[in-house]
Amino acid sequence: QVQLVESGGGSVQSGGSLRLSCAASGFTVSRYCMGWFRQAPGKEREGVAYIDSNGSTSYVDSVKGRFTISQDNAKNTLYLEMNSLKAEDTAMYYCAAVQVPSYHNVGYYCFARRGAYEYNYYNYWGQGTQVTVSS
């Protein structure tokens, strides 16, 4: 059974930093996409950062240069380093994962295939961790 458990959220002032972690268990595939998504009250869930099993990454424009996604395969943990936080970054943050089928190129499946950046592309989700940035 796949479990994703986020941690590291909290309350910070504008300009501050946080590091989110997502511990994965039961997810033993070697070809996958993982991502960090966020959802603010009254808004749709949006993807902010993505990484594939080869270590390639992609970011939404609003967080480029401020957020860094990374993974520690030995610890089965996904991270999101968030710097220069803004009030508009306030949201519940979720990590998500999806297995890449054997007949697809990993990079294509994670970053180029239609819908790859949409939340419904991913089928494993954590429970979320709240990030609140005060101005």
N, C-alpha and C. Protein backbone atom coordinates (compact mmCIF):
# COMPACT_ATOMS: atom_id res chain seq x y z
N GLN A 1 0.85 -1.19 0.00
CA GLN A 1 0.00 0.00 0.00
C GLN A 1 0.89 1.24 0.00
N VAL A 2 0.63 2.14 -0.96
CA VAL A 2 1.42 3.35 -1.08
C VAL A 2 0.96 4.38 -0.05
N GLN A 3 1.92 4.95 0.65
CA GLN A 3 1.63 6.04 1.58
C GLN A 3 2.59 7.18 1.35
N LEU A 4 2.05 8.38 1.27
CA LEU A 4 2.85 9.60 1.18
C LEU A 4 2.49 10.46 2.38
N VAL A 5 3.50 10.85 3.14
CA VAL A 5 3.26 11.62 4.35
C VAL A 5 4.09 12.89 4.33
N GLU A 6 3.40 14.03 4.24
CA GLU A 6 4.08 15.33 4.20
C GLU A 6 4.34 15.85 5.61
N SER A 7 5.37 16.67 5.71
CA SER A 7 5.68 17.36 6.96
C SER A 7 6.47 18.62 6.64
N GLY A 8 6.63 19.47 7.63
CA GLY A 8 7.47 20.65 7.44
C GLY A 8 6.73 21.95 7.24
N GLY A 9 5.42 21.89 7.15
CA GLY A 9 4.67 23.13 6.98
C GLY A 9 4.70 23.96 8.25
N GLY A 10 4.20 25.18 8.15
CA GLY A 10 4.17 26.06 9.31
C GLY A 10 3.83 27.47 8.91
N SER A 11 4.03 28.37 9.85
CA SER A 11 3.75 29.78 9.62
C SER A 11 5.05 30.56 9.61
N VAL A 12 5.23 31.37 8.56
CA VAL A 12 6.44 32.18 8.44
C VAL A 12 6.03 33.57 7.95
N GLN A 13 6.95 34.50 8.12
CA GLN A 13 6.72 35.84 7.58
C GLN A 13 7.17 35.89 6.13
N SER A 14 6.64 36.86 5.44
CA SER A 14 7.03 37.07 4.05
C SER A 14 8.54 37.21 3.95
N GLY A 15 9.12 36.53 2.97
CA GLY A 15 10.56 36.52 2.79
C GLY A 15 11.25 35.35 3.48
N GLY A 16 10.50 34.63 4.30
CA GLY A 16 11.07 33.51 5.02
C GLY A 16 11.18 32.25 4.18
N SER A 17 11.61 31.18 4.83
CA SER A 17 11.85 29.91 4.15
C SER A 17 11.23 28.75 4.92
N LEU A 18 10.87 27.72 4.18
CA LEU A 18 10.41 26.46 4.77
C LEU A 18 10.91 25.32 3.89
N ARG A 19 11.06 24.17 4.50
CA ARG A 19 11.42 22.97 3.75
C ARG A 19 10.38 21.90 4.03
N LEU A 20 9.66 21.52 3.00
CA LEU A 20 8.67 20.46 3.12
C LEU A 20 9.30 19.11 2.79
N SER A 21 8.84 18.09 3.48
CA SER A 21 9.29 16.72 3.21
C SER A 21 8.08 15.84 2.91
N CYS A 22 8.30 14.82 2.11
CA CYS A 22 7.26 13.85 1.80
C CYS A 22 7.90 12.46 1.86
N ALA A 23 7.56 11.73 2.91
CA ALA A 23 8.09 10.38 3.08
C ALA A 23 7.20 9.38 2.35
N ALA A 24 7.80 8.61 1.46
CA ALA A 24 7.05 7.64 0.67
C ALA A 24 7.32 6.22 1.15
N SER A 25 6.26 5.46 1.27
CA SER A 25 6.41 4.05 1.61
C SER A 25 5.50 3.23 0.70
N GLY A 26 5.92 2.02 0.41
CA GLY A 26 5.12 1.16 -0.44
C GLY A 26 5.16 1.53 -1.91
N PHE A 27 5.95 2.55 -2.26
CA PHE A 27 6.05 3.01 -3.66
C PHE A 27 7.40 2.55 -4.16
N THR A 28 7.47 1.33 -4.69
CA THR A 28 8.75 0.70 -4.99
C THR A 28 9.07 0.66 -6.47
N VAL A 29 8.36 1.46 -7.27
CA VAL A 29 8.62 1.46 -8.69
C VAL A 29 9.85 2.29 -8.99
N SER A 30 10.51 1.98 -10.11
CA SER A 30 11.74 2.69 -10.47
C SER A 30 11.47 3.80 -11.48
N ARG A 31 10.31 3.82 -12.09
CA ARG A 31 9.96 4.82 -13.09
C ARG A 31 8.73 5.55 -12.61
N TYR A 32 8.89 6.84 -12.29
CA TYR A 32 7.78 7.57 -11.69
C TYR A 32 7.92 9.06 -11.92
N CYS A 33 6.80 9.75 -11.71
CA CYS A 33 6.77 11.20 -11.62
C CYS A 33 6.31 11.53 -10.20
N MET A 34 6.89 12.57 -9.63
CA MET A 34 6.40 13.06 -8.35
C MET A 34 6.25 14.57 -8.43
N GLY A 35 5.35 15.10 -7.63
CA GLY A 35 5.12 16.52 -7.70
C GLY A 35 4.63 17.09 -6.38
N TRP A 36 4.80 18.38 -6.25
CA TRP A 36 4.21 19.14 -5.15
C TRP A 36 3.08 20.00 -5.73
N PHE A 37 1.95 19.90 -5.10
CA PHE A 37 0.79 20.68 -5.48
C PHE A 37 0.35 21.52 -4.28
N ARG A 38 -0.43 22.56 -4.54
CA ARG A 38 -0.95 23.35 -3.44
C ARG A 38 -2.39 23.77 -3.75
N GLN A 39 -3.12 23.99 -2.67
CA GLN A 39 -4.49 24.43 -2.83
C GLN A 39 -4.82 25.45 -1.75
N ALA A 40 -5.16 26.64 -2.20
CA ALA A 40 -5.60 27.71 -1.30
C ALA A 40 -7.12 27.66 -1.20
N PRO A 41 -7.68 28.19 -0.11
CA PRO A 41 -9.14 28.18 0.05
C PRO A 41 -9.84 28.83 -1.14
N GLY A 42 -10.83 28.12 -1.68
CA GLY A 42 -11.60 28.66 -2.78
C GLY A 42 -10.92 28.58 -4.13
N LYS A 43 -9.74 27.97 -4.18
CA LYS A 43 -9.02 27.87 -5.45
C LYS A 43 -8.80 26.41 -5.83
N GLU A 44 -8.51 26.19 -7.11
CA GLU A 44 -8.23 24.84 -7.57
C GLU A 44 -6.83 24.42 -7.13
N ARG A 45 -6.64 23.12 -7.02
CA ARG A 45 -5.32 22.58 -6.71
C ARG A 45 -4.42 22.80 -7.92
N GLU A 46 -3.24 23.34 -7.67
CA GLU A 46 -2.30 23.62 -8.75
C GLU A 46 -0.95 22.99 -8.45
N GLY A 47 -0.29 22.56 -9.51
CA GLY A 47 1.04 22.01 -9.37
C GLY A 47 2.07 23.13 -9.29
N VAL A 48 3.08 22.96 -8.47
CA VAL A 48 4.12 23.98 -8.37
C VAL A 48 5.49 23.44 -8.76
N ALA A 49 5.77 22.17 -8.53
CA ALA A 49 7.09 21.62 -8.85
C ALA A 49 6.98 20.13 -9.10
N TYR A 50 7.78 19.67 -10.06
CA TYR A 50 7.71 18.27 -10.48
C TYR A 50 9.12 17.71 -10.63
N ILE A 51 9.22 16.39 -10.40
CA ILE A 51 10.50 15.71 -10.59
C ILE A 51 10.22 14.31 -11.10
N ASP A 52 11.10 13.82 -11.96
CA ASP A 52 10.91 12.44 -12.41
C ASP A 52 11.98 11.54 -11.81
N SER A 53 11.88 10.25 -12.09
CA SER A 53 12.79 9.28 -11.48
C SER A 53 14.22 9.43 -11.97
N ASN A 54 14.42 10.22 -13.06
CA ASN A 54 15.77 10.52 -13.54
C ASN A 54 16.35 11.78 -12.90
N GLY A 55 15.52 12.46 -12.12
CA GLY A 55 15.99 13.67 -11.45
C GLY A 55 15.73 14.95 -12.21
N SER A 56 15.08 14.87 -13.36
CA SER A 56 14.72 16.08 -14.09
C SER A 56 13.59 16.79 -13.37
N THR A 57 13.60 18.12 -13.46
CA THR A 57 12.62 18.90 -12.71
C THR A 57 11.92 19.93 -13.59
N SER A 58 10.79 20.40 -13.09
CA SER A 58 10.04 21.44 -13.76
C SER A 58 9.29 22.23 -12.70
N TYR A 59 9.10 23.55 -12.98
CA TYR A 59 8.45 24.41 -12.01
C TYR A 59 7.42 25.30 -12.70
N VAL A 60 6.40 25.64 -11.96
CA VAL A 60 5.47 26.64 -12.45
C VAL A 60 6.15 28.00 -12.36
N ASP A 61 5.82 28.91 -13.26
CA ASP A 61 6.52 30.19 -13.35
C ASP A 61 6.53 30.96 -12.03
N SER A 62 5.45 30.88 -11.28
CA SER A 62 5.32 31.70 -10.07
C SER A 62 6.31 31.31 -8.96
N VAL A 63 6.93 30.13 -9.06
CA VAL A 63 7.86 29.71 -8.01
C VAL A 63 9.28 29.53 -8.52
N LYS A 64 9.49 29.72 -9.81
CA LYS A 64 10.84 29.55 -10.37
C LYS A 64 11.82 30.50 -9.70
N GLY A 65 12.97 29.95 -9.33
CA GLY A 65 13.99 30.76 -8.66
C GLY A 65 13.80 30.86 -7.16
N ARG A 66 12.64 30.42 -6.66
CA ARG A 66 12.37 30.48 -5.22
C ARG A 66 12.22 29.09 -4.60
N PHE A 67 11.63 28.17 -5.34
CA PHE A 67 11.39 26.81 -4.84
C PHE A 67 12.33 25.83 -5.52
N THR A 68 12.74 24.81 -4.78
CA THR A 68 13.57 23.75 -5.34
C THR A 68 13.02 22.39 -4.92
N ILE A 69 12.72 21.55 -5.89
CA ILE A 69 12.27 20.19 -5.60
C ILE A 69 13.45 19.25 -5.70
N SER A 70 13.53 18.30 -4.80
CA SER A 70 14.62 17.33 -4.82
C SER A 70 14.13 16.02 -4.19
N GLN A 71 14.94 15.00 -4.35
CA GLN A 71 14.57 13.70 -3.79
C GLN A 71 15.79 12.99 -3.26
N ASP A 72 15.60 12.24 -2.20
CA ASP A 72 16.64 11.40 -1.64
C ASP A 72 16.14 9.97 -1.77
N ASN A 73 16.64 9.27 -2.78
CA ASN A 73 16.14 7.93 -3.06
C ASN A 73 16.47 6.96 -1.93
N ALA A 74 17.60 7.17 -1.26
CA ALA A 74 17.98 6.27 -0.17
C ALA A 74 16.99 6.37 1.00
N LYS A 75 16.41 7.56 1.16
CA LYS A 75 15.45 7.79 2.24
C LYS A 75 14.01 7.73 1.76
N ASN A 76 13.82 7.52 0.45
CA ASN A 76 12.47 7.52 -0.12
C ASN A 76 11.71 8.78 0.28
N THR A 77 12.38 9.90 0.14
CA THR A 77 11.80 11.17 0.58
C THR A 77 11.92 12.22 -0.52
N LEU A 78 10.83 12.95 -0.69
CA LEU A 78 10.76 14.07 -1.62
C LEU A 78 10.79 15.35 -0.80
N TYR A 79 11.46 16.38 -1.32
CA TYR A 79 11.57 17.64 -0.60
C TYR A 79 11.10 18.80 -1.48
N LEU A 80 10.70 19.86 -0.81
CA LEU A 80 10.44 21.13 -1.48
C LEU A 80 11.03 22.23 -0.61
N GLU A 81 12.13 22.80 -1.10
CA GLU A 81 12.76 23.92 -0.41
C GLU A 81 12.11 25.18 -0.92
N MET A 82 11.54 25.97 0.00
CA MET A 82 10.82 27.19 -0.40
C MET A 82 11.49 28.39 0.23
N ASN A 83 11.97 29.29 -0.60
CA ASN A 83 12.63 30.51 -0.15
C ASN A 83 11.86 31.73 -0.65
N SER A 84 12.16 32.87 -0.04
CA SER A 84 11.52 34.13 -0.43
C SER A 84 10.01 33.97 -0.51
N LEU A 85 9.46 33.40 0.51
CA LEU A 85 8.03 33.11 0.52
C LEU A 85 7.20 34.38 0.50
N LYS A 86 6.07 34.29 -0.18
CA LYS A 86 5.16 35.41 -0.32
C LYS A 86 3.80 35.03 0.26
N ALA A 87 3.00 36.02 0.56
CA ALA A 87 1.67 35.75 1.12
C ALA A 87 0.86 34.86 0.17
N GLU A 88 1.05 35.04 -1.12
CA GLU A 88 0.29 34.25 -2.09
C GLU A 88 0.73 32.80 -2.17
N ASP A 89 1.79 32.45 -1.45
CA ASP A 89 2.19 31.04 -1.37
C ASP A 89 1.41 30.29 -0.29
N THR A 90 0.61 31.01 0.47
CA THR A 90 -0.19 30.38 1.52
C THR A 90 -1.16 29.38 0.93
N ALA A 91 -1.09 28.14 1.41
CA ALA A 91 -1.94 27.07 0.88
C ALA A 91 -1.65 25.78 1.64
N MET A 92 -2.50 24.79 1.40
CA MET A 92 -2.18 23.43 1.82
C MET A 92 -1.32 22.82 0.71
N TYR A 93 -0.20 22.25 1.09
CA TYR A 93 0.72 21.66 0.13
C TYR A 93 0.64 20.14 0.20
N TYR A 94 0.55 19.53 -0.98
CA TYR A 94 0.44 18.09 -1.10
C TYR A 94 1.55 17.54 -1.97
N CYS A 95 2.05 16.37 -1.63
CA CYS A 95 2.92 15.66 -2.56
C CYS A 95 2.09 14.57 -3.24
N ALA A 96 2.50 14.24 -4.44
CA ALA A 96 1.77 13.27 -5.24
C ALA A 96 2.73 12.46 -6.09
N ALA A 97 2.27 11.29 -6.51
CA ALA A 97 3.12 10.41 -7.30
C ALA A 97 2.29 9.63 -8.30
N VAL A 98 2.94 9.26 -9.39
CA VAL A 98 2.30 8.40 -10.38
C VAL A 98 3.38 7.53 -11.02
N GLN A 99 3.07 6.29 -11.29
CA GLN A 99 4.02 5.38 -11.93
C GLN A 99 4.03 5.62 -13.44
N VAL A 100 5.20 5.56 -14.04
CA VAL A 100 5.31 5.70 -15.49
C VAL A 100 5.21 4.32 -16.13
N PRO A 101 4.26 4.11 -17.04
CA PRO A 101 4.15 2.81 -17.71
C PRO A 101 5.43 2.47 -18.46
N SER A 102 5.69 1.18 -18.60
CA SER A 102 6.95 0.72 -19.20
C SER A 102 7.09 1.14 -20.66
N TYR A 103 5.99 1.41 -21.34
CA TYR A 103 6.05 1.74 -22.76
C TYR A 103 6.20 3.23 -23.02
N HIS A 104 6.33 4.04 -21.95
CA HIS A 104 6.52 5.48 -22.10
C HIS A 104 7.90 5.90 -21.66
N ASN A 105 8.48 6.87 -22.37
CA ASN A 105 9.69 7.53 -21.92
C ASN A 105 9.36 8.33 -20.65
N VAL A 106 10.24 8.25 -19.65
CA VAL A 106 9.94 8.88 -18.36
C VAL A 106 9.78 10.39 -18.50
N GLY A 107 10.71 11.03 -19.18
CA GLY A 107 10.65 12.48 -19.33
C GLY A 107 9.40 12.92 -20.06
N TYR A 108 9.06 12.20 -21.11
CA TYR A 108 7.85 12.53 -21.87
C TYR A 108 6.63 12.40 -20.99
N TYR A 109 6.54 11.30 -20.25
CA TYR A 109 5.36 11.02 -19.44
C TYR A 109 5.19 12.06 -18.34
N CYS A 110 6.29 12.49 -17.75
CA CYS A 110 6.21 13.41 -16.61
C CYS A 110 6.07 14.87 -17.02
N PHE A 111 6.61 15.24 -18.18
CA PHE A 111 6.67 16.67 -18.50
C PHE A 111 6.04 17.07 -19.82
N ALA A 112 5.80 16.15 -20.73
CA ALA A 112 5.34 16.55 -22.06
C ALA A 112 3.97 15.99 -22.44
N ARG A 113 3.59 14.90 -21.85
CA ARG A 113 2.31 14.27 -22.21
C ARG A 113 1.17 15.18 -21.80
N ARG A 114 0.11 15.17 -22.57
CA ARG A 114 -1.04 16.03 -22.28
C ARG A 114 -1.55 15.77 -20.87
N GLY A 115 -1.73 16.83 -20.11
CA GLY A 115 -2.26 16.71 -18.76
C GLY A 115 -1.24 16.42 -17.69
N ALA A 116 0.05 16.34 -18.08
CA ALA A 116 1.08 15.91 -17.14
C ALA A 116 1.19 16.81 -15.92
N TYR A 117 0.78 18.06 -16.03
CA TYR A 117 0.91 18.99 -14.92
C TYR A 117 -0.39 19.15 -14.13
N GLU A 118 -1.40 18.38 -14.48
CA GLU A 118 -2.69 18.51 -13.82
C GLU A 118 -2.76 17.56 -12.61
N TYR A 119 -3.53 17.98 -11.63
CA TYR A 119 -3.59 17.18 -10.39
C TYR A 119 -4.19 15.81 -10.65
N ASN A 120 -5.12 15.69 -11.60
CA ASN A 120 -5.77 14.39 -11.81
C ASN A 120 -4.91 13.42 -12.61
N TYR A 121 -3.71 13.84 -12.97
CA TYR A 121 -2.74 12.96 -13.64
C TYR A 121 -2.08 12.03 -12.62
N TYR A 122 -2.11 12.47 -11.34
CA TYR A 122 -1.44 11.76 -10.27
C TYR A 122 -2.45 10.94 -9.47
N ASN A 123 -2.06 9.72 -9.08
CA ASN A 123 -3.03 8.87 -8.40
C ASN A 123 -2.66 8.52 -6.97
N TYR A 124 -1.50 8.96 -6.49
CA TYR A 124 -1.17 8.77 -5.08
C TYR A 124 -0.94 10.14 -4.45
N TRP A 125 -1.56 10.34 -3.29
CA TRP A 125 -1.54 11.65 -2.64
C TRP A 125 -1.29 11.52 -1.15
N GLY A 126 -0.61 12.53 -0.61
CA GLY A 126 -0.48 12.64 0.82
C GLY A 126 -1.65 13.41 1.40
N GLN A 127 -1.61 13.61 2.71
CA GLN A 127 -2.72 14.27 3.39
C GLN A 127 -2.56 15.79 3.41
N GLY A 128 -1.39 16.27 3.08
CA GLY A 128 -1.16 17.71 3.00
C GLY A 128 -0.52 18.28 4.25
N THR A 129 0.16 19.41 4.06
CA THR A 129 0.75 20.16 5.17
C THR A 129 0.52 21.63 4.89
N GLN A 130 0.09 22.37 5.91
CA GLN A 130 -0.31 23.77 5.72
C GLN A 130 0.89 24.69 5.77
N VAL A 131 0.94 25.60 4.80
CA VAL A 131 1.94 26.66 4.77
C VAL A 131 1.20 27.99 4.82
N THR A 132 1.55 28.81 5.80
CA THR A 132 0.93 30.12 5.95
C THR A 132 2.01 31.18 5.98
N VAL A 133 1.93 32.13 5.06
CA VAL A 133 2.91 33.21 4.96
C VAL A 133 2.21 34.52 5.26
N SER A 134 2.69 35.21 6.28
CA SER A 134 2.08 36.48 6.66
C SER A 134 2.92 37.63 6.12
N SER A 135 2.21 38.64 5.66
CA SER A 135 2.92 39.79 5.06
C SER A 135 3.21 40.87 6.10
